[in-house]
Amino acid sequence: MNLALSDEQEFLREAARGALSRFKTVEAARDALEGTPLPDLWTVAKDAGWPGLLVSEEHGGAGLGVFDALLVAEETGRVLAAVPFLGVLPATLILDAAGHGDVQAAASGETRVAYVPARPPSATVDGWTVDPARGKARPAAPAATVDGDTVTLSGTVAWVPDAPEADLLVVVGVTADGAPVAAAVPASAAQVDTVAGYDATRALAHVTLDGAQGDLLDVDEEVLHRAWYLAHAILAAEAIGTIATTLDMSVQYAKERFTFGRAIGSYQSIKHELTEVLRTLENARSLQFYAGYAGESKQDEFALAASAFRSAAGTALDHAARSNINVHGGIGATWEHDAPLYFRRAQLARRLLGGTGDATDRVADELLKSAAAA
């Protein structure tokens, strides 16, 4: 197996890095905590064609694969850029599979879409569920009533990424018999309440659907599974970029900071800690390749691959963000330093979409199912 990036993938990654380098995204993340609006990077995403990365060429998209999208997501995580990948790409995946009339507008970025997620059933949680606004008990996904090509939805979904600026919501609900369905619902038909997140670079909202109507999206249940795991893989890819940045920050400081006449990086406690961050980063990166491969060529393993990637990357990011503060000492824990911004990203990322722990449970579930089948 050749794990080297193709020339096109190298160009895609470098183009994303170059486009984002024109903005002071880390400084904007700091200012956002004080109430300053974040710069709108949607125009950048549109110009680069990112909303249509996973949309087929016949529907106006780039027709690229999951791994290509993960490469771009990694670059957004590297600089804490507020690009709405997490909400847009799973939504366009479903719209493309359904051949919905709005898919071309979504691929071009003229229509901003957001995925209103629901978690597929597993051995630990029955039925399709959504994240709770508070506590740990997971509510059922919005109730859906299908009448021809129209779906009527009722229910609330908390902590929906990228919903505040969306024009169209791609909602996953369940019918009375428990079957999942997807619907394209105009954002104006729902109540979208923006919520302040711990990480100011992540746009979140609680979405309330009180009899909201939308178009039925004719997709198989497998597509809805895939959208959920794609969202997990995107979160994990963003984490890879953030870990790389925090590791670079820590290594640079460990070379420059001297105590008792020696660089602190020469001390075992610092060397071992940074080596552990590198180890977990490389472990997660290997799973990024697996998730990209499974997402394109081994669909029956995508649930396992994406969940393993999310579990490893989420754990690694939490450790890397804490280590970054530790290496920088007292200054790393103050608002004069950028380290707390990456810590905020880590703590919110490990809780969204079921959380890192839920992804770990899913890995066990998938492995046990495979063992039982064997």
Protein backbone atom coordinates (compact mmCIF):
# COMPACT_ATOMS: atom_id res chain seq x y z
CA MET A 1 0.00 0.00 0.00
CA ASN A 2 1.38 3.41 -0.98
CA LEU A 3 0.80 5.86 1.88
CA ALA A 4 2.44 8.83 0.14
CA LEU A 5 0.21 11.74 -0.86
CA SER A 6 -0.41 12.19 -4.55
CA ASP A 7 0.67 15.40 -6.28
CA GLU A 8 -2.96 16.52 -6.32
CA GLN A 9 -3.32 15.89 -2.59
CA GLU A 10 -0.12 17.77 -1.84
CA PHE A 11 -1.43 20.69 -3.89
CA LEU A 12 -4.80 20.56 -2.13
CA ARG A 13 -3.15 20.67 1.29
CA GLU A 14 -0.72 23.44 0.38
CA ALA A 15 -3.49 25.49 -1.24
CA ALA A 16 -5.57 25.21 1.93
CA ARG A 17 -2.62 26.23 4.09
CA GLY A 18 -1.89 29.19 1.83
CA ALA A 19 -5.50 30.37 1.76
CA LEU A 20 -5.78 30.29 5.55
CA SER A 21 -2.40 31.96 6.08
CA ARG A 22 -3.87 35.24 4.84
CA PHE A 23 -5.90 35.53 8.03
CA LYS A 24 -4.81 35.94 11.63
CA THR A 25 -7.10 33.17 12.82
CA VAL A 26 -5.45 32.54 16.19
CA GLU A 27 -5.58 36.24 17.07
CA ALA A 28 -9.23 36.25 15.95
CA ALA A 29 -9.94 33.30 18.27
CA ARG A 30 -8.58 35.30 21.19
CA ASP A 31 -10.56 38.41 20.26
CA ALA A 32 -13.73 36.34 19.86
CA LEU A 33 -13.61 35.46 23.56
CA GLU A 34 -13.96 39.18 24.24
CA GLY A 35 -16.96 39.50 21.93
CA THR A 36 -15.29 40.52 18.67
CA PRO A 37 -16.93 38.77 15.69
CA LEU A 38 -14.81 36.20 13.92
CA PRO A 39 -13.73 36.94 10.34
CA ASP A 40 -16.10 35.34 7.84
CA LEU A 41 -14.08 32.62 6.12
CA TRP A 42 -17.02 31.38 4.08
CA THR A 43 -15.86 33.36 1.04
CA VAL A 44 -12.47 31.67 1.32
CA ALA A 45 -14.15 28.26 1.49
CA LYS A 46 -16.34 29.06 -1.53
CA ASP A 47 -13.44 30.33 -3.63
CA ALA A 48 -11.44 27.21 -2.80
CA GLY A 49 -14.36 24.91 -3.65
CA TRP A 50 -14.39 23.29 -0.20
CA PRO A 51 -18.21 23.03 0.19
CA GLY A 52 -18.27 20.78 -2.89
CA LEU A 53 -15.32 18.56 -2.03
CA LEU A 54 -17.48 15.44 -1.56
CA VAL A 55 -20.19 16.32 -4.08
CA SER A 56 -20.06 14.38 -7.34
CA GLU A 57 -19.02 16.20 -10.49
CA GLU A 58 -22.43 15.62 -12.07
CA HIS A 59 -23.94 17.69 -9.23
CA GLY A 60 -21.41 20.50 -9.55
CA GLY A 61 -18.85 19.35 -6.99
CA ALA A 62 -15.21 18.31 -7.07
CA GLY A 63 -15.97 14.61 -6.67
CA LEU A 64 -13.04 14.06 -4.30
CA GLY A 65 -12.76 11.43 -1.60
CA VAL A 66 -12.99 11.39 2.18
CA PHE A 67 -9.23 11.48 2.65
CA ASP A 68 -8.96 14.64 0.54
CA ALA A 69 -11.53 16.35 2.75
CA LEU A 70 -9.62 15.25 5.86
CA LEU A 71 -6.45 16.88 4.54
CA VAL A 72 -8.21 20.24 4.28
CA ALA A 73 -9.87 19.80 7.68
CA GLU A 74 -6.43 19.17 9.18
CA GLU A 75 -5.25 22.55 7.91
CA THR A 76 -8.24 24.35 9.45
CA GLY A 77 -7.49 22.72 12.80
CA ARG A 78 -3.83 23.70 12.55
CA VAL A 79 -4.71 27.43 12.78
CA LEU A 80 -8.04 27.24 14.67
CA ALA A 81 -9.84 28.53 11.57
CA ALA A 82 -13.60 28.90 11.90
CA VAL A 83 -14.41 27.14 8.61
CA PRO A 84 -17.77 25.31 8.83
CA PHE A 85 -16.49 21.93 7.67
CA LEU A 86 -18.16 19.95 10.41
CA GLY A 87 -21.68 21.01 9.48
CA VAL A 88 -21.32 21.40 5.72
CA LEU A 89 -19.60 18.24 4.48
CA PRO A 90 -21.90 15.62 6.07
CA ALA A 91 -24.88 17.65 4.84
CA THR A 92 -23.59 17.78 1.26
CA LEU A 93 -22.84 14.06 1.41
CA ILE A 94 -26.53 13.35 2.08
CA LEU A 95 -27.80 15.91 -0.43
CA ASP A 96 -25.55 14.47 -3.12
CA ALA A 97 -26.66 10.90 -2.45
CA ALA A 98 -30.30 12.05 -2.67
CA GLY A 99 -29.74 14.14 -5.80
CA HIS A 100 -31.64 16.99 -4.14
CA GLY A 101 -32.29 20.14 -6.13
CA ASP A 102 -30.24 22.29 -3.75
CA VAL A 103 -27.10 20.17 -3.99
CA GLN A 104 -25.48 22.30 -6.71
CA ALA A 105 -26.08 25.50 -4.76
CA ALA A 106 -24.66 23.78 -1.68
CA ALA A 107 -21.60 22.59 -3.63
CA SER A 108 -20.87 26.10 -4.88
CA GLY A 109 -21.44 27.63 -1.46
CA GLU A 110 -24.32 29.82 -2.62
CA THR A 111 -26.51 27.96 -0.13
CA ARG A 112 -25.00 27.31 3.28
CA VAL A 113 -26.06 23.96 4.64
CA ALA A 114 -25.64 22.34 8.03
CA TYR A 115 -25.96 18.75 9.17
CA VAL A 116 -28.32 18.26 12.12
CA PRO A 117 -26.88 14.96 13.35
CA ALA A 118 -28.36 11.86 14.88
CA ARG A 119 -26.31 9.02 16.32
CA PRO A 120 -26.93 5.54 14.86
CA PRO A 121 -27.94 2.77 17.30
CA SER A 122 -25.29 0.67 18.99
CA ALA A 123 -24.92 -1.92 21.73
CA THR A 124 -24.72 0.87 24.33
CA VAL A 125 -27.55 3.14 23.12
CA ASP A 126 -30.69 1.91 21.38
CA GLY A 127 -32.33 3.86 18.57
CA TRP A 128 -31.27 7.04 16.81
CA THR A 129 -30.41 9.69 19.37
CA VAL A 130 -29.05 13.24 19.63
CA ASP A 131 -26.73 15.04 22.02
CA PRO A 132 -28.44 16.36 25.17
CA ALA A 133 -28.44 20.04 26.03
CA ARG A 134 -27.52 19.01 29.59
CA GLY A 135 -26.62 15.80 31.36
CA LYS A 136 -25.74 12.46 29.81
CA ALA A 137 -29.10 10.93 28.87
CA ARG A 138 -29.42 11.06 25.09
CA PRO A 139 -32.83 12.16 23.77
CA ALA A 140 -34.40 10.48 20.77
CA ALA A 141 -33.83 12.03 17.35
CA PRO A 142 -36.60 14.35 16.11
CA ALA A 143 -39.89 12.61 15.38
CA ALA A 144 -40.59 12.47 11.65
CA THR A 145 -43.87 12.05 9.79
CA VAL A 146 -43.57 11.29 6.09
CA ASP A 147 -46.33 12.36 3.70
CA GLY A 148 -45.28 11.73 0.13
CA ASP A 149 -42.22 13.87 -0.56
CA THR A 150 -42.69 16.00 2.58
CA VAL A 151 -41.38 15.31 6.07
CA THR A 152 -42.74 17.01 9.19
CA LEU A 153 -40.28 17.06 12.08
CA SER A 154 -40.65 17.80 15.79
CA GLY A 155 -37.96 17.79 18.44
CA THR A 156 -34.82 19.57 19.59
CA VAL A 157 -31.21 18.86 18.69
CA ALA A 158 -28.59 20.51 20.89
CA TRP A 159 -25.08 21.68 20.02
CA VAL A 160 -25.48 21.57 16.23
CA PRO A 161 -22.25 22.68 14.53
CA ASP A 162 -22.45 25.50 11.98
CA ALA A 163 -26.23 25.86 12.26
CA PRO A 164 -26.28 29.62 13.14
CA GLU A 165 -25.37 30.77 9.61
CA ALA A 166 -27.05 27.98 7.64
CA ASP A 167 -29.72 28.56 5.01
CA LEU A 168 -30.69 24.88 4.77
CA LEU A 169 -30.65 22.20 7.45
CA VAL A 170 -30.19 18.52 6.63
CA VAL A 171 -32.01 16.86 9.52
CA VAL A 172 -31.99 13.21 10.52
CA GLY A 173 -35.18 12.12 12.25
CA VAL A 174 -37.03 8.88 13.04
CA THR A 175 -40.50 7.74 12.05
CA ALA A 176 -43.00 6.17 14.45
CA ASP A 177 -41.62 2.70 13.66
CA GLY A 178 -38.06 3.83 14.43
CA ALA A 179 -36.80 4.06 10.85
CA PRO A 180 -34.39 6.95 10.18
CA VAL A 181 -35.19 9.51 7.50
CA ALA A 182 -33.43 12.63 6.27
CA ALA A 183 -35.05 15.90 5.29
CA ALA A 184 -33.89 19.18 3.80
CA VAL A 185 -35.49 21.85 5.98
CA PRO A 186 -35.18 25.60 5.37
CA ALA A 187 -33.47 27.15 8.37
CA SER A 188 -36.29 29.71 8.50
CA ALA A 189 -38.73 26.87 9.33
CA ALA A 190 -36.80 25.97 12.49
CA GLN A 191 -35.86 27.83 15.65
CA VAL A 192 -32.07 28.16 15.63
CA ASP A 193 -30.76 29.47 18.95
CA THR A 194 -27.07 30.33 18.83
CA VAL A 195 -25.19 29.24 21.94
CA ALA A 196 -21.85 30.49 23.24
CA GLY A 197 -19.35 27.70 23.07
CA TYR A 198 -16.29 27.12 25.23
CA ASP A 199 -14.34 27.30 21.97
CA ALA A 200 -15.28 30.62 20.37
CA THR A 201 -14.15 29.43 16.93
CA ARG A 202 -16.92 26.82 16.76
CA ALA A 203 -20.40 28.09 15.77
CA LEU A 204 -23.05 26.09 17.64
CA ALA A 205 -26.82 26.26 18.01
CA HIS A 206 -29.72 24.42 19.57
CA VAL A 207 -32.15 23.62 16.76
CA THR A 208 -35.84 23.27 17.64
CA LEU A 209 -38.19 21.75 15.10
CA ASP A 210 -41.84 22.33 15.99
CA GLY A 211 -43.76 20.91 13.08
CA ALA A 212 -41.09 22.10 10.63
CA GLN A 213 -41.56 20.75 7.13
CA GLY A 214 -38.93 19.85 4.58
CA ASP A 215 -38.21 17.75 1.51
CA LEU A 216 -37.77 14.03 1.99
CA LEU A 217 -34.26 13.00 0.97
CA ASP A 218 -34.39 9.62 -0.71
CA VAL A 219 -31.31 7.95 0.71
CA ASP A 220 -30.54 4.57 2.22
CA GLU A 221 -29.99 4.25 5.94
CA GLU A 222 -26.34 3.49 5.18
CA VAL A 223 -25.86 7.05 3.91
CA LEU A 224 -27.07 8.41 7.26
CA HIS A 225 -24.62 6.15 9.05
CA ARG A 226 -21.85 7.38 6.78
CA ALA A 227 -22.67 11.04 7.44
CA TRP A 228 -22.33 10.49 11.20
CA TYR A 229 -18.96 8.80 10.88
CA LEU A 230 -17.76 11.38 8.38
CA ALA A 231 -18.44 14.06 11.00
CA HIS A 232 -16.33 12.05 13.48
CA ALA A 233 -13.49 11.79 10.99
CA ILE A 234 -13.59 15.54 10.30
CA LEU A 235 -13.40 16.33 14.02
CA ALA A 236 -10.45 13.97 14.31
CA ALA A 237 -8.67 15.49 11.29
CA GLU A 238 -9.03 18.97 12.77
CA ALA A 239 -7.52 17.57 15.97
CA ILE A 240 -4.50 16.27 14.03
CA GLY A 241 -3.74 19.78 12.82
CA THR A 242 -4.18 21.28 16.28
CA ILE A 243 -1.90 18.68 17.87
CA ALA A 244 0.82 19.41 15.31
CA THR A 245 0.66 23.12 16.14
CA THR A 246 0.80 22.63 19.91
CA LEU A 247 3.72 20.23 19.53
CA ASP A 248 5.63 22.76 17.41
CA MET A 249 4.94 25.46 20.02
CA SER A 250 6.16 23.23 22.84
CA VAL A 251 9.31 22.09 21.07
CA GLN A 252 10.26 25.63 20.11
CA TYR A 253 9.79 26.89 23.66
CA ALA A 254 11.71 23.91 25.09
CA LYS A 255 14.68 24.94 22.95
CA GLU A 256 14.54 28.62 23.90
CA ARG A 257 13.71 28.50 27.65
CA PHE A 258 16.74 28.00 29.88
CA THR A 259 16.88 27.11 33.56
CA PHE A 260 20.11 26.59 35.51
CA GLY A 261 22.02 27.25 32.30
CA ARG A 262 20.31 24.48 30.32
CA ALA A 263 17.46 24.45 27.80
CA ILE A 264 14.43 22.89 29.48
CA GLY A 265 14.14 20.52 26.54
CA SER A 266 17.27 18.76 27.78
CA TYR A 267 15.48 17.58 30.93
CA GLN A 268 14.02 14.08 30.85
CA SER A 269 10.58 15.09 32.08
CA ILE A 270 10.16 17.51 29.16
CA LYS A 271 11.73 15.21 26.56
CA HIS A 272 9.54 12.28 27.58
CA GLU A 273 6.39 14.38 27.58
CA LEU A 274 7.01 15.78 24.11
CA THR A 275 7.90 12.33 22.80
CA GLU A 276 4.59 11.02 24.09
CA VAL A 277 2.73 13.81 22.28
CA LEU A 278 4.56 12.87 19.07
CA ARG A 279 3.74 9.19 19.58
CA THR A 280 0.03 9.82 20.00
CA LEU A 281 0.03 12.20 17.03
CA GLU A 282 1.60 9.61 14.74
CA ASN A 283 -0.75 6.92 16.02
CA ALA A 284 -3.74 9.11 15.24
CA ARG A 285 -2.32 10.07 11.86
CA SER A 286 -2.05 6.41 10.86
CA LEU A 287 -5.74 6.04 11.67
CA GLN A 288 -6.43 9.08 9.49
CA PHE A 289 -5.11 7.09 6.53
CA TYR A 290 -7.27 4.13 7.56
CA ALA A 291 -10.39 6.29 7.85
CA GLY A 292 -9.70 7.88 4.47
CA TYR A 293 -9.16 4.48 2.85
CA ALA A 294 -12.27 2.96 4.42
CA GLY A 295 -14.38 5.97 3.53
CA GLU A 296 -13.52 5.56 -0.13
CA SER A 297 -12.84 1.85 -0.66
CA LYS A 298 -14.05 -0.17 2.32
CA GLN A 299 -17.43 1.17 3.38
CA ASP A 300 -18.16 -1.76 5.70
CA GLU A 301 -15.14 -0.70 7.83
CA PHE A 302 -15.81 3.04 7.85
CA ALA A 303 -17.66 2.98 11.18
CA LEU A 304 -14.72 1.25 12.86
CA ALA A 305 -12.07 3.35 11.11
CA ALA A 306 -13.69 6.73 11.77
CA SER A 307 -14.50 5.86 15.39
CA ALA A 308 -10.96 4.67 16.03
CA PHE A 309 -9.60 7.82 14.43
CA ARG A 310 -11.89 10.02 16.55
CA SER A 311 -10.98 8.13 19.73
CA ALA A 312 -7.22 8.30 19.16
CA ALA A 313 -7.14 11.89 17.90
CA GLY A 314 -9.45 13.20 20.61
CA THR A 315 -7.37 11.61 23.37
CA ALA A 316 -4.15 12.82 21.76
CA LEU A 317 -5.43 16.40 21.44
CA ASP A 318 -6.49 16.52 25.07
CA HIS A 319 -3.02 15.36 26.14
CA ALA A 320 -1.21 17.68 23.70
CA ALA A 321 -3.17 20.76 24.82
CA ARG A 322 -2.43 20.04 28.48
CA SER A 323 1.22 19.28 27.72
CA ASN A 324 1.56 22.57 25.84
CA ILE A 325 0.49 24.47 28.94
CA ASN A 326 2.74 22.38 31.16
CA VAL A 327 5.86 22.92 29.02
CA HIS A 328 5.29 26.68 28.94
CA GLY A 329 4.95 26.78 32.72
CA GLY A 330 3.24 29.72 34.39
CA ILE A 331 2.92 31.82 31.25
CA GLY A 332 1.14 28.95 29.47
CA ALA A 333 -1.79 29.16 31.84
CA THR A 334 -2.37 32.89 31.39
CA TRP A 335 -4.41 34.84 28.85
CA GLU A 336 -1.20 36.47 27.63
CA HIS A 337 -0.41 33.18 25.89
CA ASP A 338 -2.17 31.26 23.09
CA ALA A 339 -1.95 27.85 24.79
CA PRO A 340 -5.39 28.16 26.49
CA LEU A 341 -7.01 28.68 23.07
CA TYR A 342 -5.88 25.23 21.96
CA PHE A 343 -6.97 23.78 25.30
CA ARG A 344 -10.46 25.20 24.72
CA ARG A 345 -10.57 23.61 21.27
CA ALA A 346 -9.59 20.26 22.79
CA GLN A 347 -12.19 20.32 25.55
CA LEU A 348 -15.10 21.20 23.28
CA ALA A 349 -14.01 18.79 20.52
CA ARG A 350 -13.95 15.85 22.91
CA ARG A 351 -17.60 16.46 23.84
CA LEU A 352 -19.31 17.11 20.48
CA LEU A 353 -21.17 14.44 18.50
CA GLY A 354 -21.38 11.92 21.29
CA GLY A 355 -17.89 12.58 22.54
CA THR A 356 -14.54 10.84 22.36
CA GLY A 357 -15.63 8.24 24.88
CA ASP A 358 -18.63 7.30 22.77
CA ALA A 359 -16.34 6.80 19.76
CA THR A 360 -14.20 4.46 21.86
CA ASP A 361 -17.31 2.48 22.82
CA ARG A 362 -18.22 2.28 19.13
CA VAL A 363 -14.82 0.78 18.33
CA ALA A 364 -15.45 -1.97 20.87
CA ASP A 365 -18.96 -2.49 19.49
CA GLU A 366 -17.72 -2.84 15.91
CA LEU A 367 -14.90 -5.20 16.89
CA LEU A 368 -17.26 -7.41 18.92
CA LYS A 369 -19.71 -7.56 16.02
CA SER A 370 -16.90 -8.57 13.67
CA ALA A 371 -15.75 -11.26 16.10
CA ALA A 372 -19.30 -12.60 16.43
CA ALA A 373 -19.69 -12.70 12.65
CA ALA A 374 -16.40 -14.57 12.31
